[in-house]
Amino acid sequence: MRVSIRDPKTLAQLSPLSVTAYLRSSGWDEAEASQARSVWTRGVSGETVEVLVPATRDYLDFPQRVFEVIQALALVEKRSQLDILRTLTTAATDVIPRLEQA
């Protein structure tokens, strides 16, 4: 059974930073960026997959866009949406370097 993550409250909790950090670290290329959003692409089997990530959670369609990212990642990585959600939840903490204390 495949789980589809569609709950807007759950999707709205993800940070754009986590989503873009994960995309960057997993081989996606930032094709466009503006104050409103970024567009990421990745070549898969001779085709280009594209996802749009809003820059903030303030947009009404933020949960829908995050769902589309999760859906694309699940297809590209051949993993469940639940696994992708778990990964995105911790992505920013995995790539932000710790500051050394003096």
PDB file of N, CA and C in Angstrom:
ATOM      1  N   MET A   1       0.833  -1.180   0.000  1.00  0.00           N
ATOM      2  CA  MET A   1       0.000   0.000   0.000  1.00  0.00           C
ATOM      3  C   MET A   1       0.882   1.250   0.000  1.00  0.00           C
ATOM      4  N   ARG A   2       0.606   2.168  -0.895  1.00  0.00           N
ATOM      5  CA  ARG A   2       1.363   3.414  -0.984  1.00  0.00           C
ATOM      6  C   ARG A   2       0.610   4.527  -0.268  1.00  0.00           C
ATOM      7  N   VAL A   3       1.343   5.243   0.556  1.00  0.00           N
ATOM      8  CA  VAL A   3       0.774   6.362   1.286  1.00  0.00           C
ATOM      9  C   VAL A   3       0.983   7.631   0.479  1.00  0.00           C
ATOM     10  N   SER A   4      -0.047   8.454   0.384  1.00  0.00           N
ATOM     11  CA  SER A   4       0.043   9.740  -0.282  1.00  0.00           C
ATOM     12  C   SER A   4      -0.112  10.824   0.790  1.00  0.00           C
ATOM     13  N   ILE A   5       0.912  11.626   0.966  1.00  0.00           N
ATOM     14  CA  ILE A   5       0.908  12.663   1.984  1.00  0.00           C
ATOM     15  C   ILE A   5       0.156  13.874   1.437  1.00  0.00           C
ATOM     16  N   ARG A   6      -1.080  14.090   1.897  1.00  0.00           N
ATOM     17  CA  ARG A   6      -1.902  15.174   1.372  1.00  0.00           C
ATOM     18  C   ARG A   6      -2.385  16.143   2.450  1.00  0.00           C
ATOM     19  N   ASP A   7      -2.089  15.872   3.707  1.00  0.00           N
ATOM     20  CA  ASP A   7      -2.577  16.722   4.786  1.00  0.00           C
ATOM     21  C   ASP A   7      -1.913  18.098   4.725  1.00  0.00           C
ATOM     22  N   PRO A   8      -2.702  19.154   4.467  1.00  0.00           N
ATOM     23  CA  PRO A   8      -2.112  20.491   4.334  1.00  0.00           C
ATOM     24  C   PRO A   8      -1.342  20.948   5.578  1.00  0.00           C
ATOM     25  N   LYS A   9      -1.804  20.591   6.758  1.00  0.00           N
ATOM     26  CA  LYS A   9      -1.110  21.003   7.985  1.00  0.00           C
ATOM     27  C   LYS A   9       0.261  20.339   8.082  1.00  0.00           C
ATOM     28  N   THR A  10       0.337  19.078   7.723  1.00  0.00           N
ATOM     29  CA  THR A  10       1.619  18.369   7.734  1.00  0.00           C
ATOM     30  C   THR A  10       2.571  18.971   6.713  1.00  0.00           C
ATOM     31  N   LEU A  11       2.078  19.198   5.518  1.00  0.00           N
ATOM     32  CA  LEU A  11       2.916  19.753   4.445  1.00  0.00           C
ATOM     33  C   LEU A  11       3.362  21.173   4.759  1.00  0.00           C
ATOM     34  N   ALA A  12       2.501  21.946   5.397  1.00  0.00           N
ATOM     35  CA  ALA A  12       2.821  23.335   5.723  1.00  0.00           C
ATOM     36  C   ALA A  12       3.904  23.446   6.792  1.00  0.00           C
ATOM     37  N   GLN A  13       4.153  22.376   7.520  1.00  0.00           N
ATOM     38  CA  GLN A  13       5.171  22.401   8.569  1.00  0.00           C
ATOM     39  C   GLN A  13       6.594  22.307   8.022  1.00  0.00           C
ATOM     40  N   LEU A  14       6.734  21.818   6.813  1.00  0.00           N
ATOM     41  CA  LEU A  14       8.081  21.732   6.227  1.00  0.00           C
ATOM     42  C   LEU A  14       8.597  23.132   5.912  1.00  0.00           C
ATOM     43  N   SER A  15       9.872  23.318   6.076  1.00  0.00           N
ATOM     44  CA  SER A  15      10.429  24.633   5.760  1.00  0.00           C
ATOM     45  C   SER A  15      10.980  24.625   4.334  1.00  0.00           C
ATOM     46  N   PRO A  16      10.846  25.748   3.643  1.00  0.00           N
ATOM     47  CA  PRO A  16      11.443  25.839   2.312  1.00  0.00           C
ATOM     48  C   PRO A  16      12.946  25.568   2.358  1.00  0.00           C
ATOM     49  N   LEU A  17      13.605  25.981   3.430  1.00  0.00           N
ATOM     50  CA  LEU A  17      15.036  25.723   3.581  1.00  0.00           C
ATOM     51  C   LEU A  17      15.330  24.231   3.590  1.00  0.00           C
ATOM     52  N   SER A  18      14.527  23.453   4.308  1.00  0.00           N
ATOM     53  CA  SER A  18      14.717  21.994   4.339  1.00  0.00           C
ATOM     54  C   SER A  18      14.536  21.383   2.960  1.00  0.00           C
ATOM     55  N   VAL A  19      13.507  21.834   2.264  1.00  0.00           N
ATOM     56  CA  VAL A  19      13.221  21.283   0.936  1.00  0.00           C
ATOM     57  C   VAL A  19      14.359  21.608  -0.026  1.00  0.00           C
ATOM     58  N   THR A  20      14.790  22.870  -0.064  1.00  0.00           N
ATOM     59  CA  THR A  20      15.854  23.232  -0.998  1.00  0.00           C
ATOM     60  C   THR A  20      17.197  22.622  -0.597  1.00  0.00           C
ATOM     61  N   ALA A  21      17.442  22.497   0.699  1.00  0.00           N
ATOM     62  CA  ALA A  21      18.687  21.853   1.154  1.00  0.00           C
ATOM     63  C   ALA A  21      18.733  20.408   0.681  1.00  0.00           C
ATOM     64  N   TYR A  22      17.604  19.718   0.792  1.00  0.00           N
ATOM     65  CA  TYR A  22      17.571  18.332   0.346  1.00  0.00           C
ATOM     66  C   TYR A  22      17.753  18.245  -1.172  1.00  0.00           C
ATOM     67  N   LEU A  23      17.057  19.088  -1.912  1.00  0.00           N
ATOM     68  CA  LEU A  23      17.184  19.056  -3.372  1.00  0.00           C
ATOM     69  C   LEU A  23      18.637  19.286  -3.785  1.00  0.00           C
ATOM     70  N   ARG A  24      19.264  20.289  -3.182  1.00  0.00           N
ATOM     71  CA  ARG A  24      20.661  20.603  -3.510  1.00  0.00           C
ATOM     72  C   ARG A  24      21.579  19.418  -3.207  1.00  0.00           C
ATOM     73  N   SER A  25      21.367  18.798  -2.056  1.00  0.00           N
ATOM     74  CA  SER A  25      22.266  17.712  -1.640  1.00  0.00           C
ATOM     75  C   SER A  25      22.010  16.400  -2.371  1.00  0.00           C
ATOM     76  N   SER A  26      20.885  16.303  -3.066  1.00  0.00           N
ATOM     77  CA  SER A  26      20.577  15.036  -3.740  1.00  0.00           C
ATOM     78  C   SER A  26      20.640  15.126  -5.257  1.00  0.00           C
ATOM     79  N   GLY A  27      21.377  16.120  -5.757  1.00  0.00           N
ATOM     80  CA  GLY A  27      21.665  16.153  -7.185  1.00  0.00           C
ATOM     81  C   GLY A  27      20.730  16.960  -8.061  1.00  0.00           C
ATOM     82  N   TRP A  28      19.828  17.721  -7.472  1.00  0.00           N
ATOM     83  CA  TRP A  28      18.955  18.593  -8.253  1.00  0.00           C
ATOM     84  C   TRP A  28      19.697  19.888  -8.529  1.00  0.00           C
ATOM     85  N   ASP A  29      19.372  20.524  -9.658  1.00  0.00           N
ATOM     86  CA  ASP A  29      19.981  21.791 -10.040  1.00  0.00           C
ATOM     87  C   ASP A  29      18.967  22.912  -9.899  1.00  0.00           C
ATOM     88  N   GLU A  30      19.391  24.010  -9.300  1.00  0.00           N
ATOM     89  CA  GLU A  30      18.511  25.175  -9.190  1.00  0.00           C
ATOM     90  C   GLU A  30      18.519  25.881 -10.541  1.00  0.00           C
ATOM     91  N   ALA A  31      17.410  25.804 -11.252  1.00  0.00           N
ATOM     92  CA  ALA A  31      17.314  26.361 -12.593  1.00  0.00           C
ATOM     93  C   ALA A  31      16.938  27.840 -12.579  1.00  0.00           C
ATOM     94  N   GLU A  32      16.126  28.227 -11.599  1.00  0.00           N
ATOM     95  CA  GLU A  32      15.681  29.615 -11.468  1.00  0.00           C
ATOM     96  C   GLU A  32      15.476  29.915  -9.993  1.00  0.00           C
ATOM     97  N   ALA A  33      15.653  31.181  -9.651  1.00  0.00           N
ATOM     98  CA  ALA A  33      15.373  31.593  -8.274  1.00  0.00           C
ATOM     99  C   ALA A  33      14.922  33.042  -8.273  1.00  0.00           C
ATOM    100  N   SER A  34      13.971  33.335  -7.414  1.00  0.00           N
ATOM    101  CA  SER A  34      13.510  34.700  -7.214  1.00  0.00           C
ATOM    102  C   SER A  34      13.141  34.845  -5.741  1.00  0.00           C
ATOM    103  N   GLN A  35      12.678  36.005  -5.373  1.00  0.00           N
ATOM    104  CA  GLN A  35      12.252  36.196  -3.988  1.00  0.00           C
ATOM    105  C   GLN A  35      11.031  35.356  -3.664  1.00  0.00           C
ATOM    106  N   ALA A  36      10.263  34.988  -4.676  1.00  0.00           N
ATOM    107  CA  ALA A  36       9.019  34.251  -4.465  1.00  0.00           C
ATOM    108  C   ALA A  36       9.186  32.738  -4.471  1.00  0.00           C
ATOM    109  N   ARG A  37      10.139  32.245  -5.286  1.00  0.00           N
ATOM    110  CA  ARG A  37      10.236  30.792  -5.435  1.00  0.00           C
ATOM    111  C   ARG A  37      11.529  30.397  -6.116  1.00  0.00           C
ATOM    112  N   SER A  38      11.800  29.092  -6.079  1.00  0.00           N
ATOM    113  CA  SER A  38      12.921  28.548  -6.843  1.00  0.00           C
ATOM    114  C   SER A  38      12.408  27.349  -7.634  1.00  0.00           C
ATOM    115  N   VAL A  39      13.027  27.137  -8.783  1.00  0.00           N
ATOM    116  CA  VAL A  39      12.676  26.016  -9.649  1.00  0.00           C
ATOM    117  C   VAL A  39      13.893  25.106  -9.713  1.00  0.00           C
ATOM    118  N   TRP A  40      13.669  23.815  -9.485  1.00  0.00           N
ATOM    119  CA  TRP A  40      14.738  22.818  -9.447  1.00  0.00           C
ATOM    120  C   TRP A  40      14.491  21.773 -10.512  1.00  0.00           C
ATOM    121  N   THR A  41      15.569  21.310 -11.149  1.00  0.00           N
ATOM    122  CA  THR A  41      15.448  20.293 -12.195  1.00  0.00           C
ATOM    123  C   THR A  41      16.435  19.163 -11.949  1.00  0.00           C
ATOM    124  N   ARG A  42      16.074  18.019 -12.513  1.00  0.00           N
ATOM    125  CA  ARG A  42      16.976  16.861 -12.452  1.00  0.00           C
ATOM    126  C   ARG A  42      16.668  15.968 -13.648  1.00  0.00           C
ATOM    127  N   GLY A  43      17.720  15.518 -14.300  1.00  0.00           N
ATOM    128  CA  GLY A  43      17.561  14.600 -15.416  1.00  0.00           C
ATOM    129  C   GLY A  43      17.367  13.184 -14.909  1.00  0.00           C
ATOM    130  N   VAL A  44      16.341  12.516 -15.427  1.00  0.00           N
ATOM    131  CA  VAL A  44      16.044  11.144 -15.041  1.00  0.00           C
ATOM    132  C   VAL A  44      15.622  10.373 -16.289  1.00  0.00           C
ATOM    133  N   SER A  45      16.389   9.349 -16.629  1.00  0.00           N
ATOM    134  CA  SER A  45      16.073   8.500 -17.784  1.00  0.00           C
ATOM    135  C   SER A  45      15.834   9.317 -19.050  1.00  0.00           C
ATOM    136  N   GLY A  46      16.691  10.290 -19.294  1.00  0.00           N
ATOM    137  CA  GLY A  46      16.581  11.084 -20.511  1.00  0.00           C
ATOM    138  C   GLY A  46      15.515  12.163 -20.473  1.00  0.00           C
ATOM    139  N   GLU A  47      14.813  12.302 -19.382  1.00  0.00           N
ATOM    140  CA  GLU A  47      13.767  13.321 -19.236  1.00  0.00           C
ATOM    141  C   GLU A  47      14.182  14.293 -18.141  1.00  0.00           C
ATOM    142  N   THR A  48      13.637  15.481 -18.166  1.00  0.00           N
ATOM    143  CA  THR A  48      13.899  16.458 -17.122  1.00  0.00           C
ATOM    144  C   THR A  48      12.675  16.575 -16.222  1.00  0.00           C
ATOM    145  N   VAL A  49      12.908  16.363 -14.936  1.00  0.00           N
ATOM    146  CA  VAL A  49      11.859  16.522 -13.939  1.00  0.00           C
ATOM    147  C   VAL A  49      12.063  17.892 -13.310  1.00  0.00           C
ATOM    148  N   GLU A  50      10.966  18.629 -13.098  1.00  0.00           N
ATOM    149  CA  GLU A  50      11.038  19.985 -12.555  1.00  0.00           C
ATOM    150  C   GLU A  50      10.100  20.121 -11.363  1.00  0.00           C
ATOM    151  N   VAL A  51      10.575  20.787 -10.312  1.00  0.00           N
ATOM    152  CA  VAL A  51       9.729  21.089  -9.160  1.00  0.00           C
ATOM    153  C   VAL A  51       9.885  22.559  -8.801  1.00  0.00           C
ATOM    154  N   LEU A  52       8.826  23.119  -8.236  1.00  0.00           N
ATOM    155  CA  LEU A  52       8.812  24.505  -7.822  1.00  0.00           C
ATOM    156  C   LEU A  52       8.690  24.549  -6.302  1.00  0.00           C
ATOM    157  N   VAL A  53       9.549  25.330  -5.662  1.00  0.00           N
ATOM    158  CA  VAL A  53       9.528  25.456  -4.203  1.00  0.00           C
ATOM    159  C   VAL A  53       9.280  26.917  -3.845  1.00  0.00           C
ATOM    160  N   PRO A  54       8.136  27.219  -3.213  1.00  0.00           N
ATOM    161  CA  PRO A  54       7.901  28.598  -2.761  1.00  0.00           C
ATOM    162  C   PRO A  54       8.972  29.001  -1.749  1.00  0.00           C
ATOM    163  N   ALA A  55       9.333  30.288  -1.735  1.00  0.00           N
ATOM    164  CA  ALA A  55      10.386  30.772  -0.852  1.00  0.00           C
ATOM    165  C   ALA A  55       9.942  30.862   0.604  1.00  0.00           C
ATOM    166  N   THR A  56       8.644  30.968   0.834  1.00  0.00           N
ATOM    167  CA  THR A  56       8.126  31.034   2.207  1.00  0.00           C
ATOM    168  C   THR A  56       6.863  30.196   2.325  1.00  0.00           C
ATOM    169  N   ARG A  57       6.494  29.940   3.557  1.00  0.00           N
ATOM    170  CA  ARG A  57       5.246  29.207   3.839  1.00  0.00           C
ATOM    171  C   ARG A  57       4.018  30.095   3.687  1.00  0.00           C
ATOM    172  N   ASP A  58       4.218  31.372   3.433  1.00  0.00           N
ATOM    173  CA  ASP A  58       3.119  32.338   3.400  1.00  0.00           C
ATOM    174  C   ASP A  58       2.173  32.171   2.206  1.00  0.00           C
ATOM    175  N   TYR A  59       2.614  31.501   1.175  1.00  0.00           N
ATOM    176  CA  TYR A  59       1.774  31.346  -0.011  1.00  0.00           C
ATOM    177  C   TYR A  59       0.666  30.329   0.243  1.00  0.00           C
ATOM    178  N   LEU A  60      -0.520  30.632  -0.237  1.00  0.00           N
ATOM    179  CA  LEU A  60      -1.657  29.739  -0.031  1.00  0.00           C
ATOM    180  C   LEU A  60      -1.431  28.363  -0.633  1.00  0.00           C
ATOM    181  N   ASP A  61      -0.671  28.297  -1.731  1.00  0.00           N
ATOM    182  CA  ASP A  61      -0.449  27.011  -2.383  1.00  0.00           C
ATOM    183  C   ASP A  61       0.810  26.291  -1.881  1.00  0.00           C
ATOM    184  N   PHE A  62       1.417  26.779  -0.784  1.00  0.00           N
ATOM    185  CA  PHE A  62       2.619  26.136  -0.266  1.00  0.00           C
ATOM    186  C   PHE A  62       2.431  24.637  -0.021  1.00  0.00           C
ATOM    187  N   PRO A  63       1.372  24.207   0.685  1.00  0.00           N
ATOM    188  CA  PRO A  63       1.200  22.755   0.896  1.00  0.00           C
ATOM    189  C   PRO A  63       1.093  21.973  -0.420  1.00  0.00           C
ATOM    190  N   GLN A  64       0.390  22.522  -1.396  1.00  0.00           N
ATOM    191  CA  GLN A  64       0.248  21.838  -2.689  1.00  0.00           C
ATOM    192  C   GLN A  64       1.598  21.718  -3.386  1.00  0.00           C
ATOM    193  N   ARG A  65       2.390  22.768  -3.363  1.00  0.00           N
ATOM    194  CA  ARG A  65       3.709  22.734  -4.006  1.00  0.00           C
ATOM    195  C   ARG A  65       4.632  21.740  -3.310  1.00  0.00           C
ATOM    196  N   VAL A  66       4.574  21.686  -1.981  1.00  0.00           N
ATOM    197  CA  VAL A  66       5.397  20.731  -1.240  1.00  0.00           C
ATOM    198  C   VAL A  66       4.942  19.304  -1.566  1.00  0.00           C
ATOM    199  N   PHE A  67       3.632  19.101  -1.677  1.00  0.00           N
ATOM    200  CA  PHE A  67       3.127  17.781  -2.073  1.00  0.00           C
ATOM    201  C   PHE A  67       3.706  17.392  -3.437  1.00  0.00           C
ATOM    202  N   GLU A  68       3.726  18.318  -4.374  1.00  0.00           N
ATOM    203  CA  GLU A  68       4.259  18.032  -5.707  1.00  0.00           C
ATOM    204  C   GLU A  68       5.749  17.682  -5.651  1.00  0.00           C
ATOM    205  N   VAL A  69       6.492  18.357  -4.777  1.00  0.00           N
ATOM    206  CA  VAL A  69       7.909  18.030  -4.608  1.00  0.00           C
ATOM    207  C   VAL A  69       8.054  16.615  -4.059  1.00  0.00           C
ATOM    208  N   ILE A  70       7.284  16.300  -3.017  1.00  0.00           N
ATOM    209  CA  ILE A  70       7.343  14.958  -2.420  1.00  0.00           C
ATOM    210  C   ILE A  70       6.959  13.897  -3.439  1.00  0.00           C
ATOM    211  N   GLN A  71       5.942  14.162  -4.211  1.00  0.00           N
ATOM    212  CA  GLN A  71       5.495  13.227  -5.250  1.00  0.00           C
ATOM    213  C   GLN A  71       6.603  12.993  -6.281  1.00  0.00           C
ATOM    214  N   ALA A  72       7.250  14.067  -6.728  1.00  0.00           N
ATOM    215  CA  ALA A  72       8.337  13.938  -7.710  1.00  0.00           C
ATOM    216  C   ALA A  72       9.524  13.186  -7.122  1.00  0.00           C
ATOM    217  N   LEU A  73       9.889  13.515  -5.888  1.00  0.00           N
ATOM    218  CA  LEU A  73      11.014  12.828  -5.250  1.00  0.00           C
ATOM    219  C   LEU A  73      10.726  11.340  -5.074  1.00  0.00           C
ATOM    220  N   ALA A  74       9.514  11.002  -4.703  1.00  0.00           N
ATOM    221  CA  ALA A  74       9.155   9.592  -4.528  1.00  0.00           C
ATOM    222  C   ALA A  74       9.308   8.829  -5.843  1.00  0.00           C
ATOM    223  N   LEU A  75       8.896   9.452  -6.935  1.00  0.00           N
ATOM    224  CA  LEU A  75       9.031   8.798  -8.241  1.00  0.00           C
ATOM    225  C   LEU A  75      10.494   8.683  -8.670  1.00  0.00           C
ATOM    226  N   VAL A  76      11.244   9.771  -8.539  1.00  0.00           N
ATOM    227  CA  VAL A  76      12.644   9.790  -8.966  1.00  0.00           C
ATOM    228  C   VAL A  76      13.491   8.843  -8.131  1.00  0.00           C
ATOM    229  N   GLU A  77      13.278   8.858  -6.811  1.00  0.00           N
ATOM    230  CA  GLU A  77      14.111   8.069  -5.904  1.00  0.00           C
ATOM    231  C   GLU A  77      13.556   6.679  -5.627  1.00  0.00           C
ATOM    232  N   LYS A  78      12.365   6.414  -6.147  1.00  0.00           N
ATOM    233  CA  LYS A  78      11.717   5.114  -5.947  1.00  0.00           C
ATOM    234  C   LYS A  78      11.613   4.781  -4.448  1.00  0.00           C
ATOM    235  N   ARG A  79      11.131   5.789  -3.702  1.00  0.00           N
ATOM    236  CA  ARG A  79      10.905   5.641  -2.267  1.00  0.00           C
ATOM    237  C   ARG A  79       9.478   6.077  -1.962  1.00  0.00           C
ATOM    238  N   SER A  80       9.002   5.734  -0.802  1.00  0.00           N
ATOM    239  CA  SER A  80       7.644   6.126  -0.436  1.00  0.00           C
ATOM    240  C   SER A  80       7.598   7.611  -0.089  1.00  0.00           C
ATOM    241  N   GLN A  81       6.417   8.194  -0.225  1.00  0.00           N
ATOM    242  CA  GLN A  81       6.243   9.589   0.156  1.00  0.00           C
ATOM    243  C   GLN A  81       6.501   9.776   1.646  1.00  0.00           C
ATOM    244  N   LEU A  82       6.170   8.783   2.435  1.00  0.00           N
ATOM    245  CA  LEU A  82       6.420   8.862   3.875  1.00  0.00           C
ATOM    246  C   LEU A  82       7.923   8.935   4.164  1.00  0.00           C
ATOM    247  N   ASP A  83       8.716   8.141   3.467  1.00  0.00           N
ATOM    248  CA  ASP A  83      10.178   8.205   3.616  1.00  0.00           C
ATOM    249  C   ASP A  83      10.710   9.581   3.202  1.00  0.00           C
ATOM    250  N   ILE A  84      10.185  10.096   2.110  1.00  0.00           N
ATOM    251  CA  ILE A  84      10.605  11.407   1.629  1.00  0.00           C
ATOM    252  C   ILE A  84      10.251  12.479   2.666  1.00  0.00           C
ATOM    253  N   LEU A  85       9.047  12.421   3.208  1.00  0.00           N
ATOM    254  CA  LEU A  85       8.619  13.380   4.227  1.00  0.00           C
ATOM    255  C   LEU A  85       9.555  13.343   5.428  1.00  0.00           C
ATOM    256  N   ARG A  86       9.888  12.154   5.884  1.00  0.00           N
ATOM    257  CA  ARG A  86      10.815  12.021   7.018  1.00  0.00           C
ATOM    258  C   ARG A  86      12.165  12.653   6.700  1.00  0.00           C
ATOM    259  N   THR A  87      12.653  12.416   5.498  1.00  0.00           N
ATOM    260  CA  THR A  87      13.942  12.969   5.083  1.00  0.00           C
ATOM    261  C   THR A  87      13.889  14.495   5.021  1.00  0.00           C
ATOM    262  N   LEU A  88      12.814  15.036   4.441  1.00  0.00           N
ATOM    263  CA  LEU A  88      12.692  16.490   4.326  1.00  0.00           C
ATOM    264  C   LEU A  88      12.558  17.162   5.685  1.00  0.00           C
ATOM    265  N   THR A  89      11.987  16.456   6.624  1.00  0.00           N
ATOM    266  CA  THR A  89      11.803  17.019   7.966  1.00  0.00           C
ATOM    267  C   THR A  89      13.139  17.295   8.637  1.00  0.00           C
ATOM    268  N   THR A  90      14.149  16.512   8.305  1.00  0.00           N
ATOM    269  CA  THR A  90      15.464  16.676   8.943  1.00  0.00           C
ATOM    270  C   THR A  90      16.540  17.189   7.988  1.00  0.00           C
ATOM    271  N   ALA A  91      16.194  17.502   6.753  1.00  0.00           N
ATOM    272  CA  ALA A  91      17.197  17.860   5.744  1.00  0.00           C
ATOM    273  C   ALA A  91      18.026  19.075   6.122  1.00  0.00           C
ATOM    274  N   ALA A  92      17.431  20.125   6.619  1.00  0.00           N
ATOM    275  CA  ALA A  92      18.187  21.346   6.927  1.00  0.00           C
ATOM    276  C   ALA A  92      19.178  21.107   8.059  1.00  0.00           C
ATOM    277  N   THR A  93      18.807  20.322   9.034  1.00  0.00           N
ATOM    278  CA  THR A  93      19.717  20.078  10.152  1.00  0.00           C
ATOM    279  C   THR A  93      20.880  19.192   9.739  1.00  0.00           C
ATOM    280  N   ASP A  94      20.707  18.410   8.679  1.00  0.00           N
ATOM    281  CA  ASP A  94      21.772  17.533   8.211  1.00  0.00           C
ATOM    282  C   ASP A  94      22.845  18.277   7.427  1.00  0.00           C
ATOM    283  N   VAL A  95      22.517  19.426   6.830  1.00  0.00           N
ATOM    284  CA  VAL A  95      23.479  20.097   5.966  1.00  0.00           C
ATOM    285  C   VAL A  95      23.986  21.418   6.515  1.00  0.00           C
ATOM    286  N   ILE A  96      23.407  21.926   7.580  1.00  0.00           N
ATOM    287  CA  ILE A  96      23.879  23.168   8.156  1.00  0.00           C
ATOM    288  C   ILE A  96      25.047  22.843   9.093  1.00  0.00           C
ATOM    289  N   PRO A  97      26.217  23.388   8.821  1.00  0.00           N
ATOM    290  CA  PRO A  97      27.378  23.072   9.658  1.00  0.00           C
ATOM    291  C   PRO A  97      27.212  23.617  11.073  1.00  0.00           C
ATOM    292  N   ARG A  98      27.756  22.899  12.016  1.00  0.00           N
ATOM    293  CA  ARG A  98      27.727  23.357  13.407  1.00  0.00           C
ATOM    294  C   ARG A  98      28.841  24.389  13.599  1.00  0.00           C
ATOM    295  N   LEU A  99      28.529  25.401  14.349  1.00  0.00           N
ATOM    296  CA  LEU A  99      29.527  26.424  14.646  1.00  0.00           C
ATOM    297  C   LEU A  99      30.393  25.932  15.787  1.00  0.00           C
ATOM    298  N   GLU A 100      31.687  26.084  15.621  1.00  0.00           N
ATOM    299  CA  GLU A 100      32.597  25.685  16.678  1.00  0.00           C
ATOM    300  C   GLU A 100      32.614  26.770  17.745  1.00  0.00           C
ATOM    301  N   GLN A 101      32.642  26.351  18.973  1.00  0.00           N
ATOM    302  CA  GLN A 101      32.698  27.309  20.059  1.00  0.00           C
ATOM    303  C   GLN A 101      34.145  27.632  20.372  1.00  0.00           C
ATOM    304  N   ALA A 102      34.387  28.890  20.700  1.00  0.00           N
ATOM    305  CA  ALA A 102      35.761  29.334  20.985  1.00  0.00           C
ATOM    306  C   ALA A 102      36.214  28.894  22.350  1.00  0.00           C
TER     307      ALA A 102
END
